[in-house]
Amino acid sequence: MPPHTHPPHTTPEHTCEHRPGPCHLPDPWMCHTFSIDGSLRDITVADTDETHWPEILRHLGDTTDELTWHNGHTAETVDGNTAGDRLAALPDDETGALSIRCGTTTFTAHLPVDGIEFSLWPDDIQDTTHVTDVLRFLTALGTACARPAVLTAETVSGHDTLPPLITYDPTTGTTTHR
């Protein structure tokens, strides 16, 4: 399925205080987690740094649908085995982005970054298919890092300890949500 193509909604629509217009998210916790409030959602893995990226990208290349490297105005699909080389070659004065598509949902890392961090727009999470994509990505990322992967509201300078909205812990194989 091409990126940003959404299958027909399978959940009946309802109104929800967290989203404008009809909502197709079936559970209140999903509506709250992906409320449209103007901020991104961040997925982070604690205690990681740039040395973790190559192995994580190899794993994500095997477990997700597409990795795309963005540098300036160009974008190209990359192999998970070489994406770490691309990151290592990024000059100190340049930035880039790595988008990873998992199902129909895209997760983006804006590089360079101190640890492992991806962002997504809550507006893109329209139904259980997209929530499943988020859970699949959290699982793949946590497994690759052998550390919990945590989805929070967008972290900002000075407020980097926001409460987790969803956590996948690879040591127990469990996913919890708020």
N, C-alpha and C. Protein backbone atom coordinates (compact mmCIF):
# COMPACT_ATOMS: atom_id res chain seq x y z
N MET A 1 0.85 -1.17 0.00
CA MET A 1 0.00 0.00 0.00
C MET A 1 0.89 1.24 0.00
N PRO A 2 0.66 2.21 -0.86
CA PRO A 2 1.50 3.41 -0.90
C PRO A 2 1.39 4.20 0.39
N PRO A 3 2.41 5.03 0.72
CA PRO A 3 2.34 5.83 1.93
C PRO A 3 1.14 6.76 1.90
N HIS A 4 0.60 7.01 3.07
CA HIS A 4 -0.50 7.94 3.28
C HIS A 4 -1.80 7.50 2.61
N THR A 5 -1.90 6.25 2.22
CA THR A 5 -3.16 5.73 1.71
C THR A 5 -3.82 5.00 2.87
N HIS A 6 -5.02 5.39 3.18
CA HIS A 6 -5.69 4.82 4.33
C HIS A 6 -6.80 3.90 3.87
N PRO A 7 -6.87 2.68 4.43
CA PRO A 7 -7.98 1.79 4.08
C PRO A 7 -9.28 2.37 4.62
N PRO A 8 -10.40 1.89 4.12
CA PRO A 8 -11.68 2.39 4.63
C PRO A 8 -11.77 2.17 6.14
N HIS A 9 -12.41 3.11 6.83
CA HIS A 9 -12.58 2.99 8.28
C HIS A 9 -13.48 1.80 8.58
N THR A 10 -13.08 1.02 9.57
CA THR A 10 -13.87 -0.14 9.97
C THR A 10 -14.58 0.09 11.30
N THR A 11 -14.23 1.15 12.00
CA THR A 11 -14.84 1.47 13.28
C THR A 11 -15.93 2.52 13.04
N PRO A 12 -17.12 2.32 13.59
CA PRO A 12 -18.17 3.32 13.41
C PRO A 12 -17.71 4.68 13.93
N GLU A 13 -18.10 5.72 13.24
CA GLU A 13 -17.69 7.04 13.68
C GLU A 13 -18.54 7.51 14.85
N HIS A 14 -17.94 8.37 15.65
CA HIS A 14 -18.63 8.97 16.79
C HIS A 14 -18.00 10.34 17.01
N THR A 15 -18.58 11.12 17.85
CA THR A 15 -17.96 12.40 18.18
C THR A 15 -17.10 12.21 19.42
N CYS A 16 -16.09 13.01 19.50
CA CYS A 16 -15.09 12.85 20.55
C CYS A 16 -14.59 14.23 20.94
N GLU A 17 -14.41 14.49 22.21
CA GLU A 17 -13.95 15.80 22.66
C GLU A 17 -12.51 16.09 22.27
N HIS A 18 -11.74 15.05 21.89
CA HIS A 18 -10.32 15.22 21.60
C HIS A 18 -10.02 15.46 20.13
N ARG A 19 -11.02 15.29 19.25
CA ARG A 19 -10.78 15.40 17.83
C ARG A 19 -11.93 16.17 17.17
N PRO A 20 -11.61 17.04 16.21
CA PRO A 20 -12.69 17.73 15.49
C PRO A 20 -13.35 16.76 14.50
N GLY A 21 -14.61 16.91 14.29
CA GLY A 21 -15.31 16.07 13.30
C GLY A 21 -15.48 14.65 13.80
N PRO A 22 -15.80 13.75 12.88
CA PRO A 22 -16.03 12.37 13.29
C PRO A 22 -14.74 11.68 13.71
N CYS A 23 -14.86 10.80 14.68
CA CYS A 23 -13.72 10.03 15.19
C CYS A 23 -13.98 8.56 14.93
N HIS A 24 -12.94 7.84 14.49
CA HIS A 24 -13.06 6.41 14.22
C HIS A 24 -12.20 5.59 15.19
N LEU A 25 -11.68 6.23 16.23
CA LEU A 25 -10.91 5.50 17.24
C LEU A 25 -11.89 4.89 18.23
N PRO A 26 -11.85 3.57 18.45
CA PRO A 26 -12.90 2.91 19.21
C PRO A 26 -12.83 3.05 20.72
N ASP A 27 -11.66 3.34 21.27
CA ASP A 27 -11.52 3.36 22.72
C ASP A 27 -11.16 4.76 23.21
N PRO A 28 -11.70 5.16 24.36
CA PRO A 28 -11.39 6.50 24.89
C PRO A 28 -9.89 6.73 25.08
N TRP A 29 -9.13 5.71 25.51
CA TRP A 29 -7.69 5.92 25.70
C TRP A 29 -7.02 6.27 24.38
N MET A 30 -7.49 5.71 23.26
CA MET A 30 -6.91 6.03 21.96
C MET A 30 -7.23 7.48 21.58
N CYS A 31 -8.47 7.90 21.84
CA CYS A 31 -8.87 9.28 21.55
C CYS A 31 -8.01 10.26 22.34
N HIS A 32 -7.75 9.95 23.60
CA HIS A 32 -6.93 10.82 24.45
C HIS A 32 -5.48 10.82 23.99
N THR A 33 -4.93 9.64 23.73
CA THR A 33 -3.53 9.52 23.34
C THR A 33 -3.23 10.28 22.06
N PHE A 34 -4.15 10.20 21.10
CA PHE A 34 -3.93 10.83 19.80
C PHE A 34 -4.83 12.04 19.61
N SER A 35 -5.10 12.76 20.71
CA SER A 35 -5.92 13.97 20.61
C SER A 35 -5.19 14.99 19.75
N ILE A 36 -5.96 15.74 19.01
CA ILE A 36 -5.38 16.76 18.14
C ILE A 36 -5.30 18.04 18.94
N ASP A 37 -4.11 18.28 19.48
CA ASP A 37 -3.90 19.41 20.39
C ASP A 37 -2.79 20.34 19.92
N GLY A 38 -2.33 20.16 18.68
CA GLY A 38 -1.30 21.03 18.14
C GLY A 38 0.12 20.55 18.36
N SER A 39 0.30 19.48 19.15
CA SER A 39 1.66 19.00 19.37
C SER A 39 1.84 17.63 18.72
N LEU A 40 3.09 17.37 18.38
CA LEU A 40 3.45 16.06 17.86
C LEU A 40 3.38 15.02 18.99
N ARG A 41 3.56 13.78 18.65
CA ARG A 41 3.79 12.74 19.64
C ARG A 41 5.21 12.25 19.38
N ASP A 42 5.97 12.05 20.43
CA ASP A 42 7.35 11.58 20.32
C ASP A 42 7.44 10.15 20.82
N ILE A 43 8.25 9.38 20.13
CA ILE A 43 8.58 8.03 20.56
C ILE A 43 10.07 8.04 20.87
N THR A 44 10.41 7.75 22.11
CA THR A 44 11.80 7.81 22.54
C THR A 44 12.21 6.49 23.20
N VAL A 45 13.52 6.30 23.23
CA VAL A 45 14.10 5.17 23.94
C VAL A 45 15.18 5.74 24.84
N ALA A 46 15.02 5.54 26.14
CA ALA A 46 15.96 6.10 27.12
C ALA A 46 17.34 5.44 27.02
N ASP A 47 18.33 6.19 27.45
CA ASP A 47 19.70 5.68 27.54
C ASP A 47 20.24 5.18 26.21
N THR A 48 19.95 5.92 25.15
CA THR A 48 20.51 5.61 23.84
C THR A 48 21.26 6.82 23.32
N ASP A 49 22.16 6.59 22.40
CA ASP A 49 22.90 7.68 21.76
C ASP A 49 23.15 7.30 20.30
N GLU A 50 23.96 8.09 19.63
CA GLU A 50 24.18 7.87 18.19
C GLU A 50 24.80 6.50 17.87
N THR A 51 25.45 5.88 18.83
CA THR A 51 26.06 4.58 18.56
C THR A 51 25.02 3.47 18.41
N HIS A 52 23.80 3.71 18.86
CA HIS A 52 22.74 2.71 18.75
C HIS A 52 22.05 2.71 17.38
N TRP A 53 22.17 3.81 16.64
CA TRP A 53 21.44 3.95 15.38
C TRP A 53 21.70 2.84 14.35
N PRO A 54 22.95 2.46 14.04
CA PRO A 54 23.15 1.46 12.97
C PRO A 54 22.41 0.14 13.23
N GLU A 55 22.51 -0.40 14.43
CA GLU A 55 21.83 -1.66 14.71
C GLU A 55 20.32 -1.49 14.69
N ILE A 56 19.83 -0.39 15.21
CA ILE A 56 18.39 -0.13 15.21
C ILE A 56 17.86 -0.01 13.78
N LEU A 57 18.60 0.69 12.94
CA LEU A 57 18.16 0.85 11.56
C LEU A 57 18.18 -0.47 10.80
N ARG A 58 19.17 -1.32 11.07
CA ARG A 58 19.17 -2.65 10.44
C ARG A 58 17.92 -3.42 10.85
N HIS A 59 17.59 -3.38 12.13
CA HIS A 59 16.41 -4.10 12.61
C HIS A 59 15.13 -3.50 12.03
N LEU A 60 15.02 -2.17 12.04
CA LEU A 60 13.82 -1.54 11.51
C LEU A 60 13.70 -1.76 10.00
N GLY A 61 14.83 -1.85 9.31
CA GLY A 61 14.79 -2.16 7.88
C GLY A 61 14.18 -3.52 7.61
N ASP A 62 14.34 -4.44 8.55
CA ASP A 62 13.78 -5.80 8.41
C ASP A 62 12.34 -5.90 8.89
N THR A 63 11.91 -4.99 9.78
CA THR A 63 10.60 -5.16 10.42
C THR A 63 9.57 -4.09 10.05
N THR A 64 9.97 -3.10 9.27
CA THR A 64 9.03 -2.06 8.85
C THR A 64 8.93 -2.08 7.34
N ASP A 65 8.12 -1.19 6.77
CA ASP A 65 7.83 -1.26 5.35
C ASP A 65 8.73 -0.42 4.46
N GLU A 66 9.23 0.71 4.95
CA GLU A 66 10.06 1.56 4.09
C GLU A 66 10.83 2.56 4.93
N LEU A 67 12.12 2.73 4.62
CA LEU A 67 12.97 3.75 5.23
C LEU A 67 13.32 4.76 4.15
N THR A 68 13.11 6.05 4.42
CA THR A 68 13.42 7.09 3.44
C THR A 68 14.32 8.13 4.09
N TRP A 69 15.44 8.41 3.43
CA TRP A 69 16.39 9.41 3.90
C TRP A 69 16.07 10.73 3.22
N HIS A 70 15.94 11.79 4.02
CA HIS A 70 15.66 13.13 3.49
C HIS A 70 16.85 14.02 3.82
N ASN A 71 17.39 14.67 2.80
CA ASN A 71 18.50 15.60 3.02
C ASN A 71 18.24 16.81 2.14
N GLY A 72 17.86 17.91 2.74
CA GLY A 72 17.50 19.09 1.94
C GLY A 72 16.24 18.82 1.15
N HIS A 73 16.32 18.97 -0.15
CA HIS A 73 15.16 18.80 -1.01
C HIS A 73 15.10 17.42 -1.65
N THR A 74 16.00 16.53 -1.29
CA THR A 74 16.00 15.20 -1.89
C THR A 74 15.51 14.18 -0.89
N ALA A 75 14.96 13.12 -1.43
CA ALA A 75 14.51 12.00 -0.59
C ALA A 75 14.76 10.72 -1.38
N GLU A 76 15.29 9.72 -0.71
CA GLU A 76 15.49 8.45 -1.38
C GLU A 76 15.26 7.31 -0.40
N THR A 77 14.68 6.25 -0.92
CA THR A 77 14.47 5.06 -0.12
C THR A 77 15.84 4.43 0.14
N VAL A 78 16.07 4.00 1.39
CA VAL A 78 17.36 3.40 1.74
C VAL A 78 17.14 2.05 2.39
N ASP A 79 18.16 1.26 2.32
CA ASP A 79 18.17 -0.05 2.94
C ASP A 79 18.57 0.11 4.40
N GLY A 80 17.93 -0.64 5.30
CA GLY A 80 18.26 -0.55 6.72
C GLY A 80 19.70 -0.86 7.02
N ASN A 81 20.34 -1.68 6.17
CA ASN A 81 21.74 -2.03 6.40
C ASN A 81 22.69 -0.88 6.08
N THR A 82 22.27 0.08 5.24
CA THR A 82 23.15 1.19 4.89
C THR A 82 22.69 2.52 5.48
N ALA A 83 21.51 2.57 6.07
CA ALA A 83 21.00 3.83 6.62
C ALA A 83 21.90 4.36 7.73
N GLY A 84 22.48 3.48 8.52
CA GLY A 84 23.38 3.91 9.59
C GLY A 84 24.62 4.58 9.04
N ASP A 85 25.10 4.11 7.87
CA ASP A 85 26.25 4.75 7.23
C ASP A 85 25.89 6.17 6.81
N ARG A 86 24.67 6.36 6.31
CA ARG A 86 24.21 7.67 5.87
C ARG A 86 24.17 8.62 7.07
N LEU A 87 23.70 8.14 8.19
CA LEU A 87 23.64 8.96 9.40
C LEU A 87 25.04 9.32 9.88
N ALA A 88 25.95 8.34 9.88
CA ALA A 88 27.33 8.59 10.33
C ALA A 88 28.04 9.60 9.44
N ALA A 89 27.67 9.65 8.15
CA ALA A 89 28.32 10.57 7.21
C ALA A 89 27.71 11.96 7.22
N LEU A 90 26.68 12.19 8.02
CA LEU A 90 26.02 13.50 8.07
C LEU A 90 26.99 14.51 8.68
N PRO A 91 27.39 15.55 7.91
CA PRO A 91 28.31 16.55 8.45
C PRO A 91 27.69 17.26 9.66
N ASP A 92 28.55 17.74 10.56
CA ASP A 92 28.09 18.39 11.78
C ASP A 92 27.20 19.60 11.52
N ASP A 93 27.41 20.28 10.40
CA ASP A 93 26.64 21.49 10.13
C ASP A 93 25.40 21.24 9.28
N GLU A 94 25.04 19.98 9.05
CA GLU A 94 23.86 19.65 8.26
C GLU A 94 22.84 18.89 9.09
N THR A 95 21.61 18.96 8.62
CA THR A 95 20.56 18.18 9.25
C THR A 95 19.94 17.28 8.20
N GLY A 96 19.26 16.30 8.65
CA GLY A 96 18.56 15.38 7.76
C GLY A 96 17.37 14.82 8.50
N ALA A 97 16.65 13.96 7.83
CA ALA A 97 15.52 13.30 8.48
C ALA A 97 15.43 11.89 7.92
N LEU A 98 14.97 11.01 8.75
CA LEU A 98 14.75 9.64 8.34
C LEU A 98 13.29 9.32 8.62
N SER A 99 12.56 8.97 7.58
CA SER A 99 11.15 8.60 7.75
C SER A 99 11.05 7.09 7.63
N ILE A 100 10.28 6.51 8.52
CA ILE A 100 10.05 5.07 8.49
C ILE A 100 8.55 4.84 8.41
N ARG A 101 8.15 4.13 7.36
CA ARG A 101 6.73 3.82 7.20
C ARG A 101 6.50 2.42 7.74
N CYS A 102 5.52 2.34 8.62
CA CYS A 102 5.11 1.07 9.22
C CYS A 102 3.62 0.96 8.94
N GLY A 103 3.24 0.10 8.00
CA GLY A 103 1.86 0.06 7.56
C GLY A 103 1.55 1.32 6.79
N THR A 104 0.56 2.07 7.23
CA THR A 104 0.20 3.32 6.56
C THR A 104 0.60 4.54 7.38
N THR A 105 1.39 4.35 8.43
CA THR A 105 1.77 5.44 9.32
C THR A 105 3.27 5.71 9.19
N THR A 106 3.63 7.00 9.16
CA THR A 106 5.02 7.40 9.01
C THR A 106 5.55 7.99 10.31
N PHE A 107 6.74 7.57 10.68
CA PHE A 107 7.45 8.03 11.87
C PHE A 107 8.73 8.70 11.38
N THR A 108 9.07 9.87 11.93
CA THR A 108 10.21 10.63 11.42
C THR A 108 11.18 10.96 12.54
N ALA A 109 12.46 10.73 12.26
CA ALA A 109 13.54 11.15 13.14
C ALA A 109 14.23 12.33 12.48
N HIS A 110 14.29 13.46 13.18
CA HIS A 110 14.98 14.65 12.68
C HIS A 110 16.39 14.60 13.23
N LEU A 111 17.36 14.55 12.34
CA LEU A 111 18.74 14.26 12.70
C LEU A 111 19.62 15.49 12.51
N PRO A 112 20.69 15.62 13.26
CA PRO A 112 21.10 14.71 14.31
C PRO A 112 20.27 14.91 15.58
N VAL A 113 20.23 13.87 16.39
CA VAL A 113 19.52 13.89 17.66
C VAL A 113 20.39 13.13 18.66
N ASP A 114 20.31 13.48 19.93
CA ASP A 114 21.19 12.88 20.93
C ASP A 114 20.92 11.39 21.15
N GLY A 115 19.68 10.99 21.14
CA GLY A 115 19.34 9.58 21.37
C GLY A 115 18.44 9.09 20.26
N ILE A 116 17.64 8.10 20.57
CA ILE A 116 16.69 7.57 19.61
C ILE A 116 15.35 8.26 19.84
N GLU A 117 14.89 9.01 18.84
CA GLU A 117 13.62 9.73 18.96
C GLU A 117 12.97 9.85 17.58
N PHE A 118 11.70 9.50 17.54
CA PHE A 118 10.88 9.64 16.34
C PHE A 118 9.65 10.46 16.70
N SER A 119 9.08 11.13 15.70
CA SER A 119 7.86 11.90 15.90
C SER A 119 6.78 11.44 14.94
N LEU A 120 5.53 11.69 15.31
CA LEU A 120 4.41 11.47 14.42
C LEU A 120 3.33 12.48 14.75
N TRP A 121 2.48 12.76 13.78
CA TRP A 121 1.36 13.68 13.98
C TRP A 121 0.15 12.90 14.46
N PRO A 122 -0.48 13.29 15.55
CA PRO A 122 -1.67 12.58 16.00
C PRO A 122 -2.81 12.65 14.99
N ASP A 123 -2.82 13.69 14.15
CA ASP A 123 -3.85 13.81 13.12
C ASP A 123 -3.83 12.61 12.17
N ASP A 124 -2.64 12.00 11.99
CA ASP A 124 -2.50 10.87 11.08
C ASP A 124 -3.08 9.58 11.64
N ILE A 125 -3.35 9.55 12.93
CA ILE A 125 -3.88 8.34 13.57
C ILE A 125 -5.40 8.44 13.54
N GLN A 126 -5.99 7.82 12.53
CA GLN A 126 -7.41 7.96 12.27
C GLN A 126 -8.28 6.83 12.77
N ASP A 127 -7.70 5.63 12.91
CA ASP A 127 -8.52 4.47 13.29
C ASP A 127 -7.61 3.38 13.86
N THR A 128 -8.19 2.21 14.13
CA THR A 128 -7.41 1.13 14.76
C THR A 128 -6.29 0.62 13.87
N THR A 129 -6.41 0.77 12.56
CA THR A 129 -5.31 0.37 11.67
C THR A 129 -4.07 1.19 11.99
N HIS A 130 -4.24 2.48 12.18
CA HIS A 130 -3.11 3.35 12.50
C HIS A 130 -2.58 3.10 13.91
N VAL A 131 -3.47 2.85 14.86
CA VAL A 131 -3.02 2.52 16.22
C VAL A 131 -2.19 1.24 16.18
N THR A 132 -2.62 0.27 15.38
CA THR A 132 -1.86 -0.97 15.22
C THR A 132 -0.47 -0.68 14.65
N ASP A 133 -0.38 0.26 13.68
CA ASP A 133 0.92 0.66 13.14
C ASP A 133 1.82 1.22 14.24
N VAL A 134 1.26 2.07 15.11
CA VAL A 134 2.03 2.67 16.20
C VAL A 134 2.53 1.57 17.14
N LEU A 135 1.66 0.65 17.49
CA LEU A 135 2.06 -0.44 18.41
C LEU A 135 3.12 -1.33 17.76
N ARG A 136 2.97 -1.59 16.46
CA ARG A 136 3.97 -2.40 15.74
C ARG A 136 5.32 -1.69 15.73
N PHE A 137 5.32 -0.36 15.50
CA PHE A 137 6.56 0.39 15.48
C PHE A 137 7.20 0.43 16.87
N LEU A 138 6.39 0.69 17.90
CA LEU A 138 6.93 0.68 19.27
C LEU A 138 7.58 -0.65 19.60
N THR A 139 6.93 -1.73 19.20
CA THR A 139 7.46 -3.07 19.45
C THR A 139 8.78 -3.28 18.71
N ALA A 140 8.82 -2.90 17.44
CA ALA A 140 10.04 -3.07 16.65
C ALA A 140 11.18 -2.23 17.23
N LEU A 141 10.89 -0.99 17.61
CA LEU A 141 11.92 -0.10 18.15
C LEU A 141 12.42 -0.59 19.50
N GLY A 142 11.50 -0.94 20.40
CA GLY A 142 11.90 -1.44 21.72
C GLY A 142 12.69 -2.72 21.62
N THR A 143 12.29 -3.60 20.71
CA THR A 143 13.00 -4.86 20.51
C THR A 143 14.41 -4.60 19.98
N ALA A 144 14.52 -3.69 19.00
CA ALA A 144 15.83 -3.37 18.43
C ALA A 144 16.78 -2.79 19.46
N CYS A 145 16.25 -1.99 20.37
CA CYS A 145 17.08 -1.33 21.39
C CYS A 145 17.27 -2.17 22.64
N ALA A 146 16.42 -3.19 22.81
CA ALA A 146 16.40 -3.98 24.04
C ALA A 146 16.15 -3.08 25.25
N ARG A 147 15.31 -2.06 25.03
CA ARG A 147 14.93 -1.10 26.07
C ARG A 147 13.49 -0.68 25.82
N PRO A 148 12.79 -0.19 26.83
CA PRO A 148 11.42 0.27 26.61
C PRO A 148 11.35 1.42 25.59
N ALA A 149 10.38 1.34 24.70
CA ALA A 149 10.07 2.42 23.76
C ALA A 149 8.81 3.11 24.29
N VAL A 150 8.84 4.44 24.36
CA VAL A 150 7.78 5.20 25.03
C VAL A 150 7.23 6.27 24.10
N LEU A 151 5.90 6.33 23.99
CA LEU A 151 5.22 7.39 23.26
C LEU A 151 4.73 8.42 24.28
N THR A 152 5.10 9.69 24.07
CA THR A 152 4.67 10.79 24.93
C THR A 152 4.14 11.92 24.05
N ALA A 153 3.58 12.93 24.68
CA ALA A 153 3.32 14.17 23.96
C ALA A 153 4.68 14.73 23.57
N GLU A 154 4.69 15.68 22.68
CA GLU A 154 5.95 16.24 22.19
C GLU A 154 6.79 16.76 23.35
N THR A 155 8.03 16.30 23.42
CA THR A 155 8.93 16.78 24.46
C THR A 155 9.55 18.09 24.01
N VAL A 156 9.71 18.99 24.94
CA VAL A 156 10.30 20.29 24.65
C VAL A 156 11.40 20.54 25.67
N SER A 157 12.27 21.45 25.34
CA SER A 157 13.39 21.77 26.21
C SER A 157 12.90 22.08 27.62
N GLY A 158 13.48 21.43 28.61
CA GLY A 158 13.10 21.67 29.99
C GLY A 158 11.93 20.84 30.47
N HIS A 159 11.25 20.16 29.55
CA HIS A 159 10.10 19.31 29.91
C HIS A 159 10.25 17.95 29.25
N ASP A 160 11.39 17.32 29.46
CA ASP A 160 11.65 16.07 28.77
C ASP A 160 11.22 14.84 29.57
N THR A 161 10.42 15.03 30.60
CA THR A 161 9.94 13.90 31.39
C THR A 161 8.42 13.88 31.43
N LEU A 162 7.79 14.01 30.26
CA LEU A 162 6.34 13.95 30.19
C LEU A 162 5.87 12.53 30.48
N PRO A 163 4.66 12.37 31.01
CA PRO A 163 4.19 11.02 31.34
C PRO A 163 4.01 10.19 30.07
N PRO A 164 4.33 8.91 30.16
CA PRO A 164 4.17 8.04 28.99
C PRO A 164 2.68 7.86 28.65
N LEU A 165 2.39 7.87 27.35
CA LEU A 165 1.04 7.58 26.88
C LEU A 165 0.92 6.10 26.54
N ILE A 166 1.96 5.56 25.89
CA ILE A 166 2.05 4.13 25.59
C ILE A 166 3.50 3.71 25.80
N THR A 167 3.71 2.56 26.41
CA THR A 167 5.06 2.03 26.61
C THR A 167 5.10 0.58 26.17
N TYR A 168 6.13 0.21 25.41
CA TYR A 168 6.39 -1.20 25.10
C TYR A 168 7.68 -1.58 25.81
N ASP A 169 7.63 -2.62 26.64
CA ASP A 169 8.80 -3.09 27.37
C ASP A 169 9.22 -4.44 26.81
N PRO A 170 10.36 -4.50 26.11
CA PRO A 170 10.78 -5.75 25.49
C PRO A 170 11.21 -6.83 26.49
N THR A 171 11.54 -6.43 27.72
CA THR A 171 11.96 -7.44 28.70
C THR A 171 10.77 -8.28 29.16
N THR A 172 9.57 -7.70 29.11
CA THR A 172 8.37 -8.44 29.52
C THR A 172 7.45 -8.74 28.34
N GLY A 173 7.71 -8.06 27.20
CA GLY A 173 6.84 -8.24 26.04
C GLY A 173 5.48 -7.61 26.20
N THR A 174 5.36 -6.64 27.11
CA THR A 174 4.06 -6.04 27.38
C THR A 174 3.98 -4.59 26.87
N THR A 175 2.78 -4.20 26.50
CA THR A 175 2.48 -2.83 26.10
C THR A 175 1.45 -2.30 27.09
N THR A 176 1.72 -1.11 27.61
CA THR A 176 0.77 -0.49 28.53
C THR A 176 0.41 0.88 28.00
N HIS A 177 -0.78 1.34 28.34
CA HIS A 177 -1.21 2.67 27.94
C HIS A 177 -1.86 3.35 29.12
N ARG A 178 -1.89 4.67 29.04
CA ARG A 178 -2.44 5.50 30.09
C ARG A 178 -3.94 5.51 30.03
